[in-house]
Amino acid sequence: MKLVKTLSLAGVIATVAMAFAGASAAFGNTETVVLCKSPELACESPWPNPTTLTGHTANFPLALTSIGTIECEESTAEVVLQNELGKRPVGHISTFTLEGNCHLGSTACVVTVNELGGASAVHGPNPLEAIITAEALPLEGGTSMHTSANVKCGAFVNCTYTLDGINVVATSNEAGELTLEANKTSMTNSKGFLCPKTAQMDAKYQAVDPETFEPLTGLYIES
C-alpha cells in the first residue's frame, strides 16, 4: 500500500508507538497514551516529545479489492508523534513509501502517495494494545490534509483512496517490540476510473531502527 502503506500507519502511523503498560487498562485513562521506555505503571521515563517512529512491513502489504489483490513487496512509514503525559497523542505521517514489485495478478501497478495526513491513538481494550486512527491533519486557515494514495494497474484500474478513519491495532511483547496491524480494514474510494467497489488494507508493520531496519525494543504504552 503506498496505498497500503499510508497507514500505517501510519501510520503509518504510524506510525505510532504503543505497547504494554504492565497493568490493566482499567487503571488508566483510555483517552490518553504515552510512549514509555520501561514497563512502568506510572511512566517516569517517557520517550521525547516529539518522537519519530519508523514502521516497516513485517509481511507484504496488501490491498484487497473486489477484482483481486494488489500486492507490493515492502512498505515503510514514518510518524512524528506528540508524546506528552496525560494527553491523547497525535502524529503527522511524515513519510510513506512503497518499494518492490506492485501488481494485480500479472498486471503491474504503480502506487503514488498524494498527501500525508495525521493519526491519533487511544488505549486499546487490552493492556498490550492501543488503537491508532488515520485522520485529517488540520492546517492553518481551516484547511486539512488527508492521507491518500493513487493506484494504477494497467490501462484500466486508476483509483484514489483516502485512509481517514482506518484503525490500526498496535501491540508489543515483553521486550517492548512494537507491531502495528491493519486487518482487512476498509478504505474510501474518493475518485477514479473503473475502480473496484470494495477495497481493504491488510498489512503488518514493525517499529524499527530507521538505519538498520532492526526491530526496536523499549516501546511501552501507558495511559
N, C-alpha and C. Protein backbone atom coordinates (compact mmCIF):
# COMPACT_ATOMS: atom_id res chain seq x y z
N MET A 1 0.83 -1.19 0.00
CA MET A 1 0.00 0.00 0.00
C MET A 1 0.84 1.22 0.00
N LYS A 2 1.47 1.67 -1.02
CA LYS A 2 1.83 3.02 -0.84
C LYS A 2 0.53 3.48 -0.42
N LEU A 3 -0.32 2.82 -1.10
CA LEU A 3 -1.70 2.83 -0.72
C LEU A 3 -1.82 2.10 0.59
N VAL A 4 -1.32 0.94 0.61
CA VAL A 4 -1.44 0.18 1.82
C VAL A 4 -0.56 0.76 2.87
N LYS A 5 0.52 1.34 2.46
CA LYS A 5 1.45 1.90 3.35
C LYS A 5 1.03 3.10 4.08
N THR A 6 0.12 3.78 3.53
CA THR A 6 -0.20 5.05 4.09
C THR A 6 -0.74 4.84 5.45
N LEU A 7 -0.68 4.19 5.98
CA LEU A 7 -1.09 4.00 7.19
C LEU A 7 -0.53 4.11 7.81
N SER A 8 0.22 2.99 7.98
CA SER A 8 0.34 2.76 8.64
C SER A 8 0.14 3.07 8.66
N LEU A 9 -0.07 3.85 9.35
CA LEU A 9 0.17 3.88 9.65
C LEU A 9 0.11 3.75 9.84
N ALA A 10 0.72 4.82 9.57
CA ALA A 10 0.69 5.22 9.74
C ALA A 10 0.63 4.95 9.81
N GLY A 11 0.68 5.22 9.86
CA GLY A 11 0.94 5.34 10.34
C GLY A 11 0.81 5.18 10.47
N VAL A 12 1.56 4.76 9.07
CA VAL A 12 1.69 4.70 9.16
C VAL A 12 1.71 5.08 9.43
N ILE A 13 1.15 5.17 11.27
CA ILE A 13 1.20 5.51 11.56
C ILE A 13 1.57 5.20 11.42
N ALA A 14 2.32 5.34 11.95
CA ALA A 14 2.28 5.14 12.43
C ALA A 14 2.65 4.47 12.39
N THR A 15 3.03 5.04 12.18
CA THR A 15 3.32 5.12 12.51
C THR A 15 3.39 5.23 13.70
N VAL A 16 2.80 4.28 15.11
CA VAL A 16 2.88 5.05 16.34
C VAL A 16 3.07 4.07 17.48
N ALA A 17 3.74 4.53 18.44
CA ALA A 17 4.26 3.63 19.42
C ALA A 17 3.32 3.28 20.53
N MET A 18 2.88 2.03 20.54
CA MET A 18 2.06 1.61 21.63
C MET A 18 2.49 0.23 22.08
N ALA A 19 2.40 -0.02 23.36
CA ALA A 19 2.75 -1.32 23.85
C ALA A 19 2.25 -1.47 25.25
N PHE A 20 2.72 -2.52 25.97
CA PHE A 20 2.00 -2.80 27.17
C PHE A 20 2.50 -2.04 28.38
N ALA A 21 1.55 -1.68 29.25
CA ALA A 21 1.86 -0.85 30.41
C ALA A 21 2.18 -1.68 31.62
N GLY A 22 2.01 -2.98 31.55
CA GLY A 22 2.26 -3.84 32.69
C GLY A 22 1.10 -3.83 33.66
N ALA A 23 -0.03 -3.26 33.25
CA ALA A 23 -1.19 -3.20 34.12
C ALA A 23 -2.42 -3.13 33.25
N SER A 24 -3.56 -3.48 33.83
CA SER A 24 -4.81 -3.47 33.07
C SER A 24 -5.18 -2.06 32.65
N ALA A 25 -5.82 -1.94 31.49
CA ALA A 25 -6.26 -0.65 31.00
C ALA A 25 -7.26 -0.01 31.96
N ALA A 26 -7.87 -0.80 32.82
CA ALA A 26 -8.85 -0.27 33.76
C ALA A 26 -8.22 0.71 34.74
N PHE A 27 -6.87 0.65 34.89
CA PHE A 27 -6.20 1.52 35.84
C PHE A 27 -5.76 2.84 35.20
N GLY A 28 -6.01 3.00 33.89
CA GLY A 28 -5.56 4.21 33.22
C GLY A 28 -6.69 4.90 32.50
N ASN A 29 -6.34 6.04 31.89
CA ASN A 29 -7.30 6.80 31.10
C ASN A 29 -7.22 6.31 29.66
N THR A 30 -8.31 5.76 29.15
CA THR A 30 -8.29 5.17 27.82
C THR A 30 -8.13 6.22 26.73
N GLU A 31 -8.32 7.50 27.06
CA GLU A 31 -8.20 8.55 26.05
C GLU A 31 -6.78 9.12 25.98
N THR A 32 -5.89 8.75 26.90
CA THR A 32 -4.54 9.26 26.87
C THR A 32 -3.56 8.11 26.78
N VAL A 33 -2.50 8.33 26.01
CA VAL A 33 -1.48 7.31 25.81
C VAL A 33 -0.13 8.00 25.81
N VAL A 34 0.86 7.40 26.45
CA VAL A 34 2.21 7.91 26.39
C VAL A 34 3.16 6.75 26.11
N LEU A 35 4.16 7.01 25.30
CA LEU A 35 5.16 6.00 24.96
C LEU A 35 6.29 6.06 25.97
N CYS A 36 6.53 4.95 26.64
CA CYS A 36 7.48 4.91 27.73
C CYS A 36 8.62 3.94 27.41
N LYS A 37 9.82 4.21 27.95
CA LYS A 37 10.98 3.37 27.69
C LYS A 37 11.02 2.13 28.57
N SER A 38 10.24 2.12 29.63
CA SER A 38 10.20 0.99 30.56
C SER A 38 8.75 0.64 30.86
N PRO A 39 8.46 -0.63 31.20
CA PRO A 39 7.08 -1.03 31.52
C PRO A 39 6.69 -0.61 32.92
N GLU A 40 6.49 0.70 33.12
CA GLU A 40 6.18 1.25 34.44
C GLU A 40 4.70 1.56 34.55
N LEU A 41 4.13 1.32 35.72
CA LEU A 41 2.73 1.64 35.92
C LEU A 41 2.51 3.14 35.78
N ALA A 42 3.40 3.93 36.37
CA ALA A 42 3.42 5.37 36.18
C ALA A 42 4.68 5.71 35.42
N CYS A 43 4.54 6.23 34.23
CA CYS A 43 5.69 6.43 33.34
C CYS A 43 6.62 7.51 33.88
N GLU A 44 7.85 7.12 34.21
CA GLU A 44 8.87 8.06 34.66
C GLU A 44 9.98 8.24 33.62
N SER A 45 9.90 7.47 32.55
CA SER A 45 10.94 7.57 31.51
C SER A 45 10.29 7.60 30.12
N PRO A 46 9.51 8.65 29.85
CA PRO A 46 8.85 8.73 28.54
C PRO A 46 9.85 8.99 27.42
N TRP A 47 9.49 8.57 26.22
CA TRP A 47 10.26 8.93 25.05
C TRP A 47 10.10 10.43 24.83
N PRO A 48 11.05 11.06 24.11
CA PRO A 48 10.99 12.52 23.93
C PRO A 48 9.70 12.97 23.24
N ASN A 49 9.40 14.25 23.42
CA ASN A 49 8.28 14.87 22.72
C ASN A 49 8.85 15.95 21.81
N PRO A 50 8.74 15.82 20.49
CA PRO A 50 8.12 14.69 19.78
C PRO A 50 9.08 13.51 19.61
N THR A 51 8.52 12.37 19.25
CA THR A 51 9.28 11.17 18.92
C THR A 51 8.93 10.73 17.51
N THR A 52 9.94 10.42 16.72
CA THR A 52 9.70 9.94 15.36
C THR A 52 9.84 8.43 15.33
N LEU A 53 8.82 7.76 14.84
CA LEU A 53 8.79 6.31 14.76
C LEU A 53 8.78 5.85 13.31
N THR A 54 9.53 4.81 13.03
CA THR A 54 9.58 4.24 11.69
C THR A 54 9.01 2.83 11.73
N GLY A 55 8.04 2.57 10.87
CA GLY A 55 7.45 1.23 10.77
C GLY A 55 7.78 0.62 9.42
N HIS A 56 8.13 -0.67 9.43
CA HIS A 56 8.45 -1.39 8.20
C HIS A 56 7.59 -2.64 8.15
N THR A 57 7.19 -3.05 6.97
CA THR A 57 6.30 -4.19 6.86
C THR A 57 6.97 -5.47 7.32
N ALA A 58 6.26 -6.18 8.18
CA ALA A 58 6.71 -7.49 8.62
C ALA A 58 6.21 -8.57 7.67
N ASN A 59 5.22 -8.21 6.84
CA ASN A 59 4.79 -9.09 5.74
C ASN A 59 4.43 -8.19 4.56
N PHE A 60 4.07 -8.76 3.44
CA PHE A 60 3.76 -7.93 2.28
C PHE A 60 2.49 -7.12 2.56
N PRO A 61 2.50 -5.81 2.23
CA PRO A 61 1.25 -5.06 2.32
C PRO A 61 0.31 -5.48 1.20
N LEU A 62 -0.96 -5.55 1.50
CA LEU A 62 -1.94 -6.00 0.52
C LEU A 62 -3.09 -5.02 0.43
N ALA A 63 -3.58 -4.77 -0.76
CA ALA A 63 -4.84 -4.08 -0.96
C ALA A 63 -5.80 -5.10 -1.55
N LEU A 64 -6.79 -5.46 -0.78
CA LEU A 64 -7.75 -6.48 -1.21
C LEU A 64 -8.93 -5.79 -1.87
N THR A 65 -9.24 -6.13 -3.12
CA THR A 65 -10.33 -5.50 -3.83
C THR A 65 -11.26 -6.54 -4.41
N SER A 66 -12.39 -6.07 -4.93
CA SER A 66 -13.38 -6.99 -5.49
C SER A 66 -12.93 -7.60 -6.80
N ILE A 67 -11.83 -7.09 -7.37
CA ILE A 67 -11.33 -7.66 -8.63
C ILE A 67 -9.99 -8.36 -8.45
N GLY A 68 -9.53 -8.48 -7.21
CA GLY A 68 -8.28 -9.17 -6.96
C GLY A 68 -7.47 -8.47 -5.87
N THR A 69 -6.23 -8.92 -5.69
CA THR A 69 -5.37 -8.39 -4.64
C THR A 69 -4.21 -7.61 -5.24
N ILE A 70 -4.07 -6.36 -4.80
CA ILE A 70 -2.93 -5.54 -5.20
C ILE A 70 -1.85 -5.76 -4.15
N GLU A 71 -0.71 -6.22 -4.59
CA GLU A 71 0.34 -6.62 -3.66
C GLU A 71 1.65 -5.93 -4.00
N CYS A 72 2.37 -5.48 -2.98
CA CYS A 72 3.69 -4.89 -3.14
C CYS A 72 4.65 -5.57 -2.17
N GLU A 73 5.95 -5.43 -2.43
CA GLU A 73 6.92 -6.21 -1.67
C GLU A 73 7.19 -5.67 -0.28
N GLU A 74 7.30 -4.34 -0.13
CA GLU A 74 7.58 -3.80 1.19
C GLU A 74 7.14 -2.35 1.29
N SER A 75 6.98 -1.91 2.56
CA SER A 75 6.49 -0.56 2.80
C SER A 75 7.13 -0.01 4.06
N THR A 76 7.40 1.29 4.05
CA THR A 76 7.95 1.97 5.22
C THR A 76 7.13 3.23 5.49
N ALA A 77 6.79 3.45 6.73
CA ALA A 77 6.05 4.65 7.12
C ALA A 77 6.74 5.30 8.31
N GLU A 78 6.76 6.61 8.32
CA GLU A 78 7.38 7.37 9.42
C GLU A 78 6.35 8.33 10.00
N VAL A 79 6.24 8.32 11.32
CA VAL A 79 5.26 9.18 12.01
C VAL A 79 5.97 10.01 13.07
N VAL A 80 5.69 11.30 13.10
CA VAL A 80 6.19 12.19 14.15
C VAL A 80 5.11 12.27 15.22
N LEU A 81 5.38 11.70 16.39
CA LEU A 81 4.39 11.56 17.46
C LEU A 81 4.57 12.60 18.54
N GLN A 82 3.48 13.29 18.90
CA GLN A 82 3.48 14.17 20.05
C GLN A 82 3.30 13.29 21.29
N ASN A 83 4.34 13.13 22.06
CA ASN A 83 4.36 12.17 23.17
C ASN A 83 4.37 12.92 24.50
N GLU A 84 3.18 13.23 25.01
CA GLU A 84 3.05 14.01 26.23
C GLU A 84 2.22 13.26 27.26
N LEU A 85 2.69 13.26 28.51
CA LEU A 85 1.96 12.63 29.60
C LEU A 85 0.59 13.27 29.75
N GLY A 86 -0.44 12.43 29.94
CA GLY A 86 -1.77 12.92 30.21
C GLY A 86 -2.52 13.47 29.03
N LYS A 87 -1.99 13.29 27.82
CA LYS A 87 -2.67 13.81 26.64
C LYS A 87 -2.88 12.69 25.62
N ARG A 88 -3.91 12.87 24.80
CA ARG A 88 -4.14 11.94 23.71
C ARG A 88 -3.11 12.23 22.63
N PRO A 89 -2.28 11.25 22.26
CA PRO A 89 -1.22 11.52 21.29
C PRO A 89 -1.76 11.70 19.88
N VAL A 90 -1.16 12.64 19.18
CA VAL A 90 -1.47 12.86 17.77
C VAL A 90 -0.15 12.83 17.02
N GLY A 91 -0.22 12.51 15.74
CA GLY A 91 1.00 12.43 14.97
C GLY A 91 0.79 12.89 13.54
N HIS A 92 1.90 13.17 12.88
CA HIS A 92 1.90 13.54 11.46
C HIS A 92 2.65 12.46 10.71
N ILE A 93 2.02 11.87 9.70
CA ILE A 93 2.69 10.88 8.86
C ILE A 93 3.62 11.64 7.94
N SER A 94 4.92 11.61 8.24
CA SER A 94 5.87 12.44 7.51
C SER A 94 6.46 11.76 6.28
N THR A 95 6.45 10.43 6.27
CA THR A 95 6.99 9.68 5.15
C THR A 95 6.17 8.43 4.94
N PHE A 96 5.93 8.08 3.68
CA PHE A 96 5.24 6.85 3.38
C PHE A 96 5.74 6.35 2.04
N THR A 97 6.41 5.22 2.01
CA THR A 97 6.99 4.73 0.77
C THR A 97 6.61 3.27 0.54
N LEU A 98 6.63 2.89 -0.72
CA LEU A 98 6.35 1.51 -1.12
C LEU A 98 7.38 1.10 -2.15
N GLU A 99 8.07 0.01 -1.87
CA GLU A 99 9.09 -0.45 -2.81
C GLU A 99 8.75 -1.85 -3.31
N GLY A 100 9.40 -2.22 -4.40
CA GLY A 100 9.26 -3.59 -4.89
C GLY A 100 8.22 -3.72 -5.98
N ASN A 101 7.98 -4.92 -6.35
CA ASN A 101 7.07 -5.26 -7.44
C ASN A 101 5.62 -5.14 -7.00
N CYS A 102 4.93 -4.11 -7.46
CA CYS A 102 3.50 -3.97 -7.16
C CYS A 102 2.71 -4.54 -8.33
N HIS A 103 1.69 -5.32 -8.04
CA HIS A 103 0.96 -5.96 -9.14
C HIS A 103 -0.44 -6.36 -8.71
N LEU A 104 -1.32 -6.48 -9.68
CA LEU A 104 -2.66 -7.03 -9.53
C LEU A 104 -2.71 -8.24 -10.44
N GLY A 105 -2.53 -9.43 -9.88
CA GLY A 105 -2.36 -10.62 -10.69
C GLY A 105 -1.07 -10.48 -11.48
N SER A 106 -1.14 -10.59 -12.80
CA SER A 106 0.04 -10.44 -13.65
C SER A 106 0.21 -9.02 -14.17
N THR A 107 -0.69 -8.10 -13.76
CA THR A 107 -0.65 -6.72 -14.23
C THR A 107 0.15 -5.85 -13.27
N ALA A 108 1.13 -5.13 -13.79
CA ALA A 108 1.94 -4.24 -12.96
C ALA A 108 1.11 -3.05 -12.50
N CYS A 109 1.38 -2.60 -11.27
CA CYS A 109 0.68 -1.45 -10.69
C CYS A 109 1.68 -0.39 -10.27
N VAL A 110 1.24 0.86 -10.32
CA VAL A 110 2.01 1.97 -9.78
C VAL A 110 1.19 2.61 -8.67
N VAL A 111 1.80 2.71 -7.47
CA VAL A 111 1.10 3.30 -6.32
C VAL A 111 1.80 4.60 -5.95
N THR A 112 1.04 5.69 -5.89
CA THR A 112 1.60 7.01 -5.62
C THR A 112 0.88 7.65 -4.45
N VAL A 113 1.63 8.06 -3.44
CA VAL A 113 1.04 8.76 -2.30
C VAL A 113 0.80 10.21 -2.69
N ASN A 114 -0.42 10.68 -2.53
CA ASN A 114 -0.78 12.05 -2.90
C ASN A 114 -0.59 13.03 -1.75
N GLU A 115 -1.07 12.68 -0.57
CA GLU A 115 -0.98 13.53 0.61
C GLU A 115 -0.67 12.68 1.82
N LEU A 116 -0.09 13.32 2.84
CA LEU A 116 0.20 12.65 4.11
C LEU A 116 -0.53 13.39 5.22
N GLY A 117 -1.45 12.72 5.86
CA GLY A 117 -2.26 13.34 6.90
C GLY A 117 -1.75 13.04 8.30
N GLY A 118 -2.69 12.83 9.21
CA GLY A 118 -2.33 12.64 10.61
C GLY A 118 -2.87 11.34 11.16
N ALA A 119 -2.66 11.17 12.47
CA ALA A 119 -3.14 9.99 13.19
C ALA A 119 -3.25 10.34 14.66
N SER A 120 -4.11 9.62 15.36
CA SER A 120 -4.21 9.78 16.81
C SER A 120 -4.38 8.40 17.42
N ALA A 121 -4.20 8.30 18.74
CA ALA A 121 -4.22 7.00 19.39
C ALA A 121 -4.97 7.05 20.71
N VAL A 122 -5.59 5.95 21.06
CA VAL A 122 -6.20 5.75 22.37
C VAL A 122 -5.79 4.37 22.86
N HIS A 123 -5.90 4.15 24.15
CA HIS A 123 -5.58 2.85 24.71
C HIS A 123 -6.58 1.82 24.17
N GLY A 124 -6.08 0.64 23.84
CA GLY A 124 -6.95 -0.42 23.34
C GLY A 124 -7.71 -1.12 24.43
N PRO A 125 -8.53 -2.11 24.05
CA PRO A 125 -9.33 -2.84 25.04
C PRO A 125 -8.50 -3.76 25.93
N ASN A 126 -7.25 -4.03 25.55
CA ASN A 126 -6.38 -4.91 26.33
C ASN A 126 -5.13 -4.16 26.77
N PRO A 127 -4.49 -4.61 27.85
CA PRO A 127 -3.30 -3.90 28.36
C PRO A 127 -2.17 -3.80 27.35
N LEU A 128 -2.09 -4.70 26.41
CA LEU A 128 -0.99 -4.70 25.45
C LEU A 128 -1.33 -3.99 24.15
N GLU A 129 -2.42 -3.26 24.11
CA GLU A 129 -2.91 -2.71 22.85
C GLU A 129 -3.15 -1.20 22.89
N ALA A 130 -3.06 -0.61 21.73
CA ALA A 130 -3.56 0.74 21.50
C ALA A 130 -4.18 0.76 20.12
N ILE A 131 -5.13 1.65 19.92
CA ILE A 131 -5.80 1.79 18.63
C ILE A 131 -5.38 3.11 18.00
N ILE A 132 -4.78 3.03 16.81
CA ILE A 132 -4.32 4.21 16.08
C ILE A 132 -5.26 4.45 14.91
N THR A 133 -5.74 5.67 14.77
CA THR A 133 -6.70 6.01 13.72
C THR A 133 -6.12 7.06 12.77
N ALA A 134 -6.13 6.75 11.47
CA ALA A 134 -5.72 7.74 10.47
C ALA A 134 -6.80 8.80 10.35
N GLU A 135 -6.39 10.06 10.32
CA GLU A 135 -7.37 11.14 10.25
C GLU A 135 -6.76 12.34 9.56
N ALA A 136 -7.61 13.31 9.23
CA ALA A 136 -7.14 14.52 8.57
C ALA A 136 -6.20 15.30 9.49
N LEU A 137 -5.21 15.94 8.89
CA LEU A 137 -4.27 16.77 9.63
C LEU A 137 -4.66 18.24 9.45
N PRO A 138 -5.10 18.91 10.54
CA PRO A 138 -5.53 20.31 10.41
C PRO A 138 -4.36 21.21 10.01
N LEU A 139 -4.64 22.16 9.13
CA LEU A 139 -3.65 23.14 8.70
C LEU A 139 -4.17 24.54 9.00
N GLU A 140 -3.30 25.52 8.87
CA GLU A 140 -3.71 26.90 9.10
C GLU A 140 -4.74 27.32 8.05
N GLY A 141 -5.65 28.17 8.46
CA GLY A 141 -6.66 28.67 7.53
C GLY A 141 -7.86 27.78 7.41
N GLY A 142 -7.97 26.78 8.29
CA GLY A 142 -9.15 25.92 8.28
C GLY A 142 -9.09 24.79 7.29
N THR A 143 -7.95 24.61 6.60
CA THR A 143 -7.83 23.51 5.65
C THR A 143 -7.23 22.29 6.35
N SER A 144 -7.12 21.19 5.63
CA SER A 144 -6.57 19.97 6.22
C SER A 144 -5.98 19.10 5.13
N MET A 145 -5.12 18.19 5.54
CA MET A 145 -4.53 17.22 4.63
C MET A 145 -5.00 15.83 5.03
N HIS A 146 -5.30 15.01 4.03
CA HIS A 146 -5.76 13.65 4.26
C HIS A 146 -4.74 12.68 3.67
N THR A 147 -4.53 11.58 4.33
CA THR A 147 -3.66 10.56 3.76
C THR A 147 -4.38 9.88 2.61
N SER A 148 -3.81 9.98 1.43
CA SER A 148 -4.45 9.39 0.26
C SER A 148 -3.39 8.87 -0.70
N ALA A 149 -3.79 7.91 -1.52
CA ALA A 149 -2.87 7.32 -2.47
C ALA A 149 -3.62 6.90 -3.73
N ASN A 150 -2.93 6.98 -4.84
CA ASN A 150 -3.49 6.56 -6.13
C ASN A 150 -2.89 5.22 -6.53
N VAL A 151 -3.75 4.35 -7.05
CA VAL A 151 -3.31 3.04 -7.54
C VAL A 151 -3.70 2.92 -9.00
N LYS A 152 -2.71 2.67 -9.84
CA LYS A 152 -2.96 2.50 -11.27
C LYS A 152 -2.38 1.17 -11.71
N CYS A 153 -3.26 0.30 -12.25
CA CYS A 153 -2.85 -1.02 -12.71
C CYS A 153 -3.23 -1.17 -14.18
N GLY A 154 -2.24 -1.23 -15.03
CA GLY A 154 -2.52 -1.36 -16.45
C GLY A 154 -3.25 -0.16 -17.00
N ALA A 155 -4.09 -0.38 -18.00
CA ALA A 155 -4.80 0.72 -18.66
C ALA A 155 -6.20 0.94 -18.11
N PHE A 156 -6.60 0.14 -17.12
CA PHE A 156 -8.00 0.19 -16.69
C PHE A 156 -8.20 0.66 -15.26
N VAL A 157 -7.49 0.08 -14.31
CA VAL A 157 -7.69 0.45 -12.90
C VAL A 157 -6.88 1.69 -12.57
N ASN A 158 -7.57 2.76 -12.17
CA ASN A 158 -6.92 4.02 -11.80
C ASN A 158 -7.75 4.64 -10.69
N CYS A 159 -7.40 4.38 -9.45
CA CYS A 159 -8.24 4.73 -8.30
C CYS A 159 -7.45 5.49 -7.25
N THR A 160 -8.11 6.44 -6.60
CA THR A 160 -7.51 7.16 -5.49
C THR A 160 -8.28 6.81 -4.21
N TYR A 161 -7.54 6.43 -3.18
CA TYR A 161 -8.15 6.03 -1.92
C TYR A 161 -7.71 6.96 -0.80
N THR A 162 -8.66 7.28 0.07
CA THR A 162 -8.39 8.07 1.27
C THR A 162 -8.49 7.15 2.48
N LEU A 163 -7.53 7.32 3.40
CA LEU A 163 -7.44 6.38 4.52
C LEU A 163 -8.00 6.91 5.83
N ASP A 164 -8.68 8.05 5.78
CA ASP A 164 -9.27 8.59 7.01
C ASP A 164 -10.19 7.56 7.66
N GLY A 165 -10.04 7.41 8.97
CA GLY A 165 -10.91 6.51 9.71
C GLY A 165 -10.38 5.09 9.84
N ILE A 166 -9.32 4.75 9.11
CA ILE A 166 -8.76 3.39 9.23
C ILE A 166 -8.15 3.22 10.61
N ASN A 167 -8.48 2.11 11.26
CA ASN A 167 -7.93 1.80 12.57
C ASN A 167 -6.83 0.75 12.47
N VAL A 168 -5.73 1.00 13.15
CA VAL A 168 -4.61 0.07 13.21
C VAL A 168 -4.42 -0.34 14.67
N VAL A 169 -4.26 -1.64 14.91
CA VAL A 169 -4.06 -2.14 16.28
C VAL A 169 -2.56 -2.24 16.55
N ALA A 170 -2.11 -1.60 17.60
CA ALA A 170 -0.70 -1.63 18.00
C ALA A 170 -0.55 -2.51 19.23
N THR A 171 0.42 -3.42 19.18
CA THR A 171 0.69 -4.31 20.32
C THR A 171 2.19 -4.45 20.50
N SER A 172 2.61 -4.91 21.68
CA SER A 172 4.03 -5.16 21.89
C SER A 172 4.21 -6.39 22.78
N ASN A 173 5.41 -6.96 22.70
CA ASN A 173 5.74 -8.08 23.59
C ASN A 173 6.44 -7.54 24.83
N GLU A 174 6.95 -8.43 25.65
CA GLU A 174 7.54 -8.00 26.93
C GLU A 174 8.83 -7.22 26.74
N ALA A 175 9.48 -7.37 25.59
CA ALA A 175 10.70 -6.60 25.31
C ALA A 175 10.38 -5.21 24.77
N GLY A 176 9.10 -4.95 24.56
CA GLY A 176 8.72 -3.65 24.00
C GLY A 176 8.88 -3.58 22.50
N GLU A 177 8.92 -4.73 21.82
CA GLU A 177 8.91 -4.73 20.36
C GLU A 177 7.49 -4.46 19.88
N LEU A 178 7.35 -3.46 19.04
CA LEU A 178 6.03 -2.95 18.68
C LEU A 178 5.63 -3.37 17.27
N THR A 179 4.41 -3.86 17.13
CA THR A 179 3.87 -4.16 15.81
C THR A 179 2.56 -3.39 15.62
N LEU A 180 2.29 -3.00 14.38
CA LEU A 180 1.08 -2.28 14.00
C LEU A 180 0.41 -3.08 12.90
N GLU A 181 -0.88 -3.37 13.08
CA GLU A 181 -1.54 -4.26 12.12
C GLU A 181 -2.91 -3.73 11.71
N ALA A 182 -3.12 -3.69 10.40
CA ALA A 182 -4.44 -3.41 9.83
C ALA A 182 -4.96 -4.71 9.23
N ASN A 183 -6.10 -5.15 9.69
CA ASN A 183 -6.64 -6.45 9.26
C ASN A 183 -7.92 -6.24 8.47
N LYS A 184 -7.77 -6.28 7.12
CA LYS A 184 -8.92 -6.14 6.23
C LYS A 184 -9.76 -4.91 6.59
N THR A 185 -9.08 -3.77 6.72
CA THR A 185 -9.73 -2.52 7.07
C THR A 185 -10.18 -1.78 5.81
N SER A 186 -11.43 -1.36 5.77
CA SER A 186 -11.99 -0.74 4.56
C SER A 186 -11.37 0.62 4.29
N MET A 187 -11.15 0.91 3.01
CA MET A 187 -10.64 2.19 2.56
C MET A 187 -11.72 2.89 1.72
N THR A 188 -11.67 4.23 1.71
CA THR A 188 -12.65 5.01 0.96
C THR A 188 -12.12 5.33 -0.43
N ASN A 189 -12.90 5.01 -1.44
CA ASN A 189 -12.54 5.34 -2.82
C ASN A 189 -13.05 6.75 -3.11
N SER A 190 -12.12 7.70 -3.19
CA SER A 190 -12.54 9.09 -3.35
C SER A 190 -12.78 9.46 -4.82
N LYS A 191 -12.06 8.82 -5.73
CA LYS A 191 -12.30 9.09 -7.15
C LYS A 191 -11.52 8.08 -7.98
N GLY A 192 -11.89 7.97 -9.27
CA GLY A 192 -11.13 7.08 -10.13
C GLY A 192 -11.95 6.54 -11.28
N PHE A 193 -11.27 5.73 -12.09
CA PHE A 193 -11.87 5.15 -13.29
C PHE A 193 -11.86 3.64 -13.17
N LEU A 194 -13.05 3.00 -13.34
CA LEU A 194 -13.20 1.55 -13.22
C LEU A 194 -12.62 1.03 -11.91
N CYS A 195 -12.98 1.70 -10.82
CA CYS A 195 -12.43 1.31 -9.52
C CYS A 195 -13.24 0.16 -8.91
N PRO A 196 -12.56 -0.73 -8.21
CA PRO A 196 -13.27 -1.81 -7.51
C PRO A 196 -14.29 -1.24 -6.53
N LYS A 197 -15.39 -1.94 -6.37
CA LYS A 197 -16.43 -1.47 -5.46
C LYS A 197 -15.98 -1.53 -4.01
N THR A 198 -15.10 -2.47 -3.70
CA THR A 198 -14.59 -2.59 -2.34
C THR A 198 -13.07 -2.61 -2.36
N ALA A 199 -12.46 -2.08 -1.32
CA ALA A 199 -11.01 -2.12 -1.15
C ALA A 199 -10.70 -2.16 0.34
N GLN A 200 -9.79 -3.04 0.71
CA GLN A 200 -9.41 -3.18 2.11
C GLN A 200 -7.90 -3.20 2.23
N MET A 201 -7.42 -2.74 3.38
CA MET A 201 -5.99 -2.78 3.66
C MET A 201 -5.70 -3.92 4.60
N ASP A 202 -4.64 -4.68 4.30
CA ASP A 202 -4.25 -5.82 5.11
C ASP A 202 -2.74 -5.81 5.21
N ALA A 203 -2.19 -5.22 6.28
CA ALA A 203 -0.75 -5.05 6.37
C ALA A 203 -0.29 -5.09 7.82
N LYS A 204 0.95 -5.48 8.02
CA LYS A 204 1.54 -5.57 9.36
C LYS A 204 2.90 -4.89 9.35
N TYR A 205 3.09 -3.92 10.24
CA TYR A 205 4.33 -3.18 10.35
C TYR A 205 5.00 -3.45 11.68
N GLN A 206 6.32 -3.31 11.71
CA GLN A 206 7.06 -3.41 12.96
C GLN A 206 7.89 -2.15 13.14
N ALA A 207 7.94 -1.63 14.37
CA ALA A 207 8.76 -0.45 14.65
C ALA A 207 10.23 -0.84 14.58
N VAL A 208 11.00 -0.10 13.77
CA VAL A 208 12.39 -0.48 13.52
C VAL A 208 13.31 0.72 13.63
N ASP A 209 14.61 0.42 13.75
CA ASP A 209 15.65 1.43 13.63
C ASP A 209 15.68 1.89 12.18
N PRO A 210 15.58 3.21 11.91
CA PRO A 210 15.49 3.67 10.52
C PRO A 210 16.77 3.44 9.71
N GLU A 211 17.90 3.21 10.39
CA GLU A 211 19.16 2.98 9.69
C GLU A 211 19.36 1.51 9.34
N THR A 212 19.07 0.63 10.31
CA THR A 212 19.35 -0.80 10.12
C THR A 212 18.12 -1.62 9.81
N PHE A 213 16.93 -1.07 10.07
CA PHE A 213 15.66 -1.77 9.95
C PHE A 213 15.55 -2.95 10.93
N GLU A 214 16.40 -2.94 11.96
CA GLU A 214 16.29 -3.94 13.01
C GLU A 214 15.17 -3.52 13.97
N PRO A 215 14.42 -4.50 14.54
CA PRO A 215 13.32 -4.16 15.45
C PRO A 215 13.82 -3.36 16.66
N LEU A 216 13.06 -2.34 17.04
CA LEU A 216 13.36 -1.58 18.24
C LEU A 216 12.75 -2.27 19.46
N THR A 217 13.34 -2.03 20.62
CA THR A 217 12.78 -2.51 21.89
C THR A 217 12.55 -1.31 22.79
N GLY A 218 11.89 -1.55 23.90
CA GLY A 218 11.64 -0.48 24.85
C GLY A 218 10.55 0.49 24.43
N LEU A 219 9.55 -0.02 23.69
CA LEU A 219 8.39 0.79 23.30
C LEU A 219 7.19 0.28 24.08
N TYR A 220 6.89 0.94 25.19
CA TYR A 220 5.79 0.52 26.07
C TYR A 220 4.74 1.61 26.14
N ILE A 221 3.49 1.19 26.19
CA ILE A 221 2.42 2.18 26.26
C ILE A 221 1.86 2.25 27.67
N GLU A 222 1.58 3.47 28.09
CA GLU A 222 0.89 3.70 29.35
C GLU A 222 -0.22 4.69 29.11
N SER A 223 -1.20 4.68 29.99
CA SER A 223 -2.33 5.60 29.81
C SER A 223 -2.61 6.35 31.09
